Amino acid sequence: MTRQKTVRDYIRTIVDFPHEGILFRDVTTLFADPRGFRMAVDQLLAPYAGMRIDRVAGLEARGFILGGAVAHQLSTGFVPIRKKGKLPGATIAEAYTLEYGEAVIEVHDDAMQPGEKVLLVDDLLATGGTAAAGIRLIERLGAQVVGCAFVVDLPDLGGRKRLEGMGLEVHALCAFEGL
């Protein structure tokens, strides 16, 4: 009897991308497979089924794919958190530190209402910088993050500890050791 595939089995590792020494965890192979994609979406939302969730927020860009599917399954709205300059309406912005420099993400200033419950979704949790910036945006709008869901956790980079240190629940489908 063959072993049933897990989400991790659908994720391809690309060596030395985008830089030498990096093992890039590529979720596009997961997205391309109908069973793998369905499994990932179902497992991402499972801990939150039955909870009040008013919005799912997805981080650019793969968080849009996953977050949209999760929002659909939860019958709730989806909010994109985008790189600076990509949203057409009035926005609020949050700067955060990257490995080499700084970046800024934005959300529409009317995307969430005070008191709304929000699930943050992305494909991968590394250092947690982007997720923490997204959380700060959500909280600045008066909404509450009820959880953070990721397909992949890279525990050696400390993102989970960072988000848990902010008092948040982190749900990841699989983990890969190393960088």
C-alpha atoms as a PDB file:
ATOM      1  CA  MET A   1       0.000   0.000   0.000  1.00  0.00           C
ATOM      2  CA  THR A   2       1.357   3.411  -0.944  1.00  0.00           C
ATOM      3  CA  ARG A   3       1.603   6.249   1.523  1.00  0.00           C
ATOM      4  CA  GLN A   4      -0.942   9.037   1.081  1.00  0.00           C
ATOM      5  CA  LYS A   5       0.646  12.287  -0.107  1.00  0.00           C
ATOM      6  CA  THR A   6       0.914  15.234   2.245  1.00  0.00           C
ATOM      7  CA  VAL A   7       1.043  18.936   1.374  1.00  0.00           C
ATOM      8  CA  ARG A   8       4.811  18.810   1.821  1.00  0.00           C
ATOM      9  CA  ASP A   9       5.071  16.189  -0.952  1.00  0.00           C
ATOM     10  CA  TYR A  10       3.695  18.684  -3.474  1.00  0.00           C
ATOM     11  CA  ILE A  11       6.274  21.392  -2.698  1.00  0.00           C
ATOM     12  CA  ARG A  12       9.348  21.535  -4.901  1.00  0.00           C
ATOM     13  CA  THR A  13      12.732  22.647  -3.601  1.00  0.00           C
ATOM     14  CA  ILE A  14      14.893  24.706  -5.955  1.00  0.00           C
ATOM     15  CA  VAL A  15      18.561  24.900  -4.995  1.00  0.00           C
ATOM     16  CA  ASP A  16      20.438  28.231  -5.135  1.00  0.00           C
ATOM     17  CA  PHE A  17      17.397  30.411  -5.890  1.00  0.00           C
ATOM     18  CA  PRO A  18      17.262  33.384  -5.728  1.00  0.00           C
ATOM     19  CA  HIS A  19      20.833  33.331  -4.377  1.00  0.00           C
ATOM     20  CA  GLU A  20      23.513  30.718  -3.927  1.00  0.00           C
ATOM     21  CA  GLY A  21      23.022  28.743  -0.721  1.00  0.00           C
ATOM     22  CA  ILE A  22      19.241  29.229  -0.608  1.00  0.00           C
ATOM     23  CA  LEU A  23      16.804  26.309  -0.808  1.00  0.00           C
ATOM     24  CA  PHE A  24      13.682  27.903  -2.309  1.00  0.00           C
ATOM     25  CA  ARG A  25      10.438  26.176  -1.301  1.00  0.00           C
ATOM     26  CA  ASP A  26       8.288  26.477  -4.425  1.00  0.00           C
ATOM     27  CA  VAL A  27       4.538  26.183  -3.796  1.00  0.00           C
ATOM     28  CA  THR A  28       3.589  26.655  -7.463  1.00  0.00           C
ATOM     29  CA  THR A  29       3.802  22.871  -7.865  1.00  0.00           C
ATOM     30  CA  LEU A  30       1.295  22.559  -5.002  1.00  0.00           C
ATOM     31  CA  PHE A  31      -1.025  25.101  -6.656  1.00  0.00           C
ATOM     32  CA  ALA A  32      -0.817  23.290 -10.004  1.00  0.00           C
ATOM     33  CA  ASP A  33      -2.047  19.978  -8.614  1.00  0.00           C
ATOM     34  CA  PRO A  34      -5.820  19.914  -7.973  1.00  0.00           C
ATOM     35  CA  ARG A  35      -5.585  17.414  -5.096  1.00  0.00           C
ATOM     36  CA  GLY A  36      -2.635  19.181  -3.510  1.00  0.00           C
ATOM     37  CA  PHE A  37      -4.234  22.607  -3.792  1.00  0.00           C
ATOM     38  CA  ARG A  38      -7.556  21.386  -2.361  1.00  0.00           C
ATOM     39  CA  MET A  39      -5.697  19.653   0.488  1.00  0.00           C
ATOM     40  CA  ALA A  40      -3.755  22.815   1.319  1.00  0.00           C
ATOM     41  CA  VAL A  41      -6.832  25.058   1.341  1.00  0.00           C
ATOM     42  CA  ASP A  42      -8.823  22.576   3.436  1.00  0.00           C
ATOM     43  CA  GLN A  43      -6.000  22.210   5.950  1.00  0.00           C
ATOM     44  CA  LEU A  44      -5.361  25.957   6.146  1.00  0.00           C
ATOM     45  CA  LEU A  45      -8.941  26.699   7.120  1.00  0.00           C
ATOM     46  CA  ALA A  46      -9.638  23.613   9.279  1.00  0.00           C
ATOM     47  CA  PRO A  47      -8.559  25.161  12.627  1.00  0.00           C
ATOM     48  CA  TYR A  48     -10.817  28.149  11.968  1.00  0.00           C
ATOM     49  CA  ALA A  49     -13.975  26.343  10.822  1.00  0.00           C
ATOM     50  CA  GLY A  50     -16.843  27.388  13.054  1.00  0.00           C
ATOM     51  CA  MET A  51     -15.032  30.511  14.277  1.00  0.00           C
ATOM     52  CA  ARG A  52     -16.294  33.981  13.489  1.00  0.00           C
ATOM     53  CA  ILE A  53     -14.078  35.263  10.703  1.00  0.00           C
ATOM     54  CA  ASP A  54     -15.171  38.440   8.939  1.00  0.00           C
ATOM     55  CA  ARG A  55     -12.254  38.749   6.513  1.00  0.00           C
ATOM     56  CA  VAL A  56      -9.319  36.772   5.228  1.00  0.00           C
ATOM     57  CA  ALA A  57      -6.277  38.949   4.520  1.00  0.00           C
ATOM     58  CA  GLY A  58      -3.667  37.650   2.086  1.00  0.00           C
ATOM     59  CA  LEU A  59      -0.105  38.892   1.739  1.00  0.00           C
ATOM     60  CA  GLU A  60       1.199  39.621  -1.758  1.00  0.00           C
ATOM     61  CA  ALA A  61       1.446  37.604  -3.876  1.00  0.00           C
ATOM     62  CA  ARG A  62       0.947  33.900  -3.177  1.00  0.00           C
ATOM     63  CA  GLY A  63      -1.148  34.796  -0.148  1.00  0.00           C
ATOM     64  CA  PHE A  64      -3.717  36.131  -2.622  1.00  0.00           C
ATOM     65  CA  ILE A  65      -4.111  32.704  -4.218  1.00  0.00           C
ATOM     66  CA  LEU A  66      -4.443  30.890  -0.912  1.00  0.00           C
ATOM     67  CA  GLY A  67      -6.346  33.619   0.916  1.00  0.00           C
ATOM     68  CA  GLY A  68      -8.912  33.962  -1.836  1.00  0.00           C
ATOM     69  CA  ALA A  69      -9.598  30.232  -1.797  1.00  0.00           C
ATOM     70  CA  VAL A  70      -9.788  30.148   2.016  1.00  0.00           C
ATOM     71  CA  ALA A  71     -12.140  33.169   2.059  1.00  0.00           C
ATOM     72  CA  HIS A  72     -14.369  31.457  -0.504  1.00  0.00           C
ATOM     73  CA  GLN A  73     -14.572  28.295   1.595  1.00  0.00           C
ATOM     74  CA  LEU A  74     -15.308  30.310   4.754  1.00  0.00           C
ATOM     75  CA  SER A  75     -17.915  32.416   2.871  1.00  0.00           C
ATOM     76  CA  THR A  76     -16.246  35.651   3.899  1.00  0.00           C
ATOM     77  CA  GLY A  77     -14.570  38.605   2.242  1.00  0.00           C
ATOM     78  CA  PHE A  78     -10.957  38.759   1.085  1.00  0.00           C
ATOM     79  CA  VAL A  79      -8.578  41.680   1.637  1.00  0.00           C
ATOM     80  CA  PRO A  80      -5.306  41.979  -0.292  1.00  0.00           C
ATOM     81  CA  ILE A  81      -2.297  43.416   1.519  1.00  0.00           C
ATOM     82  CA  ARG A  82      -0.075  44.675  -1.283  1.00  0.00           C
ATOM     83  CA  LYS A  83       3.292  46.180  -2.014  1.00  0.00           C
ATOM     84  CA  LYS A  84       3.370  49.979  -1.921  1.00  0.00           C
ATOM     85  CA  GLY A  85       1.744  51.725  -4.870  1.00  0.00           C
ATOM     86  CA  LYS A  86      -0.369  48.790  -6.115  1.00  0.00           C
ATOM     87  CA  LEU A  87      -3.740  49.656  -4.560  1.00  0.00           C
ATOM     88  CA  PRO A  88      -5.887  52.307  -6.280  1.00  0.00           C
ATOM     89  CA  GLY A  89      -7.751  53.835  -3.326  1.00  0.00           C
ATOM     90  CA  ALA A  90      -6.775  55.553  -0.105  1.00  0.00           C
ATOM     91  CA  THR A  91      -4.401  53.325   1.871  1.00  0.00           C
ATOM     92  CA  ILE A  92      -2.447  53.035   5.071  1.00  0.00           C
ATOM     93  CA  ALA A  93       1.144  51.803   4.886  1.00  0.00           C
ATOM     94  CA  GLU A  94       3.551  49.895   7.086  1.00  0.00           C
ATOM     95  CA  ALA A  95       7.305  49.711   6.572  1.00  0.00           C
ATOM     96  CA  TYR A  96       9.282  46.647   7.599  1.00  0.00           C
ATOM     97  CA  THR A  97      12.849  45.420   7.389  1.00  0.00           C
ATOM     98  CA  LEU A  98      14.037  42.896   4.837  1.00  0.00           C
ATOM     99  CA  GLU A  99      17.332  41.019   4.747  1.00  0.00           C
ATOM    100  CA  TYR A 100      18.803  43.812   2.601  1.00  0.00           C
ATOM    101  CA  GLY A 101      16.861  46.995   3.145  1.00  0.00           C
ATOM    102  CA  GLU A 102      13.283  47.955   3.792  1.00  0.00           C
ATOM    103  CA  ALA A 103       9.914  47.417   2.117  1.00  0.00           C
ATOM    104  CA  VAL A 104       6.439  48.873   2.517  1.00  0.00           C
ATOM    105  CA  ILE A 105       3.062  47.160   2.299  1.00  0.00           C
ATOM    106  CA  GLU A 106      -0.361  48.780   2.158  1.00  0.00           C
ATOM    107  CA  VAL A 107      -4.027  48.040   2.646  1.00  0.00           C
ATOM    108  CA  HIS A 108      -7.074  50.127   1.718  1.00  0.00           C
ATOM    109  CA  ASP A 109      -8.026  52.311   4.659  1.00  0.00           C
ATOM    110  CA  ASP A 110     -11.615  51.024   4.503  1.00  0.00           C
ATOM    111  CA  ALA A 111     -10.804  47.312   3.962  1.00  0.00           C
ATOM    112  CA  MET A 112     -11.747  46.298   7.512  1.00  0.00           C
ATOM    113  CA  GLN A 113     -13.917  47.717  10.238  1.00  0.00           C
ATOM    114  CA  PRO A 114     -13.136  48.018  13.948  1.00  0.00           C
ATOM    115  CA  GLY A 115     -13.932  44.774  15.765  1.00  0.00           C
ATOM    116  CA  GLU A 116     -13.824  42.549  12.697  1.00  0.00           C
ATOM    117  CA  LYS A 117     -12.079  39.185  13.070  1.00  0.00           C
ATOM    118  CA  VAL A 118      -9.368  38.586  10.448  1.00  0.00           C
ATOM    119  CA  LEU A 119      -7.411  35.493   9.433  1.00  0.00           C
ATOM    120  CA  LEU A 120      -4.017  36.312   7.876  1.00  0.00           C
ATOM    121  CA  VAL A 121      -2.884  33.871   5.150  1.00  0.00           C
ATOM    122  CA  ASP A 122       0.355  33.468   3.199  1.00  0.00           C
ATOM    123  CA  ASP A 123       2.334  30.693   1.582  1.00  0.00           C
ATOM    124  CA  LEU A 124       5.503  30.823   3.640  1.00  0.00           C
ATOM    125  CA  LEU A 125       6.636  32.033   7.053  1.00  0.00           C
ATOM    126  CA  ALA A 126      10.353  32.881   7.183  1.00  0.00           C
ATOM    127  CA  THR A 127      11.477  35.749   9.440  1.00  0.00           C
ATOM    128  CA  GLY A 128       7.905  36.957   9.944  1.00  0.00           C
ATOM    129  CA  GLY A 129       8.661  40.522   8.877  1.00  0.00           C
ATOM    130  CA  THR A 130       6.000  40.772   6.190  1.00  0.00           C
ATOM    131  CA  ALA A 131       3.404  38.998   8.323  1.00  0.00           C
ATOM    132  CA  ALA A 132       4.132  41.241  11.328  1.00  0.00           C
ATOM    133  CA  ALA A 133       3.728  44.337   9.125  1.00  0.00           C
ATOM    134  CA  GLY A 134       0.421  42.957   7.802  1.00  0.00           C
ATOM    135  CA  ILE A 135      -0.759  42.323  11.349  1.00  0.00           C
ATOM    136  CA  ARG A 136       0.100  45.892  12.340  1.00  0.00           C
ATOM    137  CA  LEU A 137      -1.947  47.207   9.379  1.00  0.00           C
ATOM    138  CA  ILE A 138      -4.948  45.088  10.354  1.00  0.00           C
ATOM    139  CA  GLU A 139      -4.722  46.244  13.965  1.00  0.00           C
ATOM    140  CA  ARG A 140      -4.348  49.893  12.930  1.00  0.00           C
ATOM    141  CA  LEU A 141      -7.755  49.575  11.230  1.00  0.00           C
ATOM    142  CA  GLY A 142      -9.197  48.335  14.529  1.00  0.00           C
ATOM    143  CA  ALA A 143      -9.685  44.749  13.396  1.00  0.00           C
ATOM    144  CA  GLN A 144      -8.408  41.735  15.333  1.00  0.00           C
ATOM    145  CA  VAL A 145      -6.155  39.015  13.917  1.00  0.00           C
ATOM    146  CA  VAL A 146      -7.578  35.677  15.084  1.00  0.00           C
ATOM    147  CA  GLY A 147      -4.836  33.572  13.530  1.00  0.00           C
ATOM    148  CA  CYS A 148      -2.060  33.335  10.968  1.00  0.00           C
ATOM    149  CA  ALA A 149      -2.085  30.414   8.529  1.00  0.00           C
ATOM    150  CA  PHE A 150       0.822  29.391   6.298  1.00  0.00           C
ATOM    151  CA  VAL A 151       1.571  26.437   4.068  1.00  0.00           C
ATOM    152  CA  VAL A 152       5.295  26.383   4.908  1.00  0.00           C
ATOM    153  CA  ASP A 153       7.151  27.335   8.077  1.00  0.00           C
ATOM    154  CA  LEU A 154      10.934  27.820   8.013  1.00  0.00           C
ATOM    155  CA  PRO A 155      11.468  27.529  11.789  1.00  0.00           C
ATOM    156  CA  ASP A 156      15.209  28.231  11.659  1.00  0.00           C
ATOM    157  CA  LEU A 157      14.418  31.805  10.545  1.00  0.00           C
ATOM    158  CA  GLY A 158      12.306  32.577  13.632  1.00  0.00           C
ATOM    159  CA  GLY A 159       9.050  33.840  12.121  1.00  0.00           C
ATOM    160  CA  ARG A 160       6.805  31.599  14.196  1.00  0.00           C
ATOM    161  CA  LYS A 161       8.464  32.740  17.437  1.00  0.00           C
ATOM    162  CA  ARG A 162       8.140  36.353  16.329  1.00  0.00           C
ATOM    163  CA  LEU A 163       4.396  36.083  15.638  1.00  0.00           C
ATOM    164  CA  GLU A 164       3.728  34.014  18.749  1.00  0.00           C
ATOM    165  CA  GLY A 165       5.637  36.693  20.687  1.00  0.00           C
ATOM    166  CA  MET A 166       3.004  39.122  19.390  1.00  0.00           C
ATOM    167  CA  GLY A 167       0.378  36.909  21.048  1.00  0.00           C
ATOM    168  CA  LEU A 168      -0.834  35.274  17.831  1.00  0.00           C
ATOM    169  CA  GLU A 169      -1.694  31.709  16.969  1.00  0.00           C
ATOM    170  CA  VAL A 170       0.368  30.347  14.060  1.00  0.00           C
ATOM    171  CA  HIS A 171      -0.859  27.428  11.961  1.00  0.00           C
ATOM    172  CA  ALA A 172       1.518  25.943   9.350  1.00  0.00           C
ATOM    173  CA  LEU A 173       0.913  22.829   7.252  1.00  0.00           C
ATOM    174  CA  CYS A 174       4.549  21.755   7.087  1.00  0.00           C
ATOM    175  CA  ALA A 175       8.042  22.858   8.038  1.00  0.00           C
ATOM    176  CA  PHE A 176      11.399  22.723   6.307  1.00  0.00           C
ATOM    177  CA  GLU A 177      14.587  22.966   8.345  1.00  0.00           C
ATOM    178  CA  GLY A 178      17.433  25.149   7.110  1.00  0.00           C
ATOM    179  CA  LEU A 179      17.363  28.275   4.977  1.00  0.00           C
END
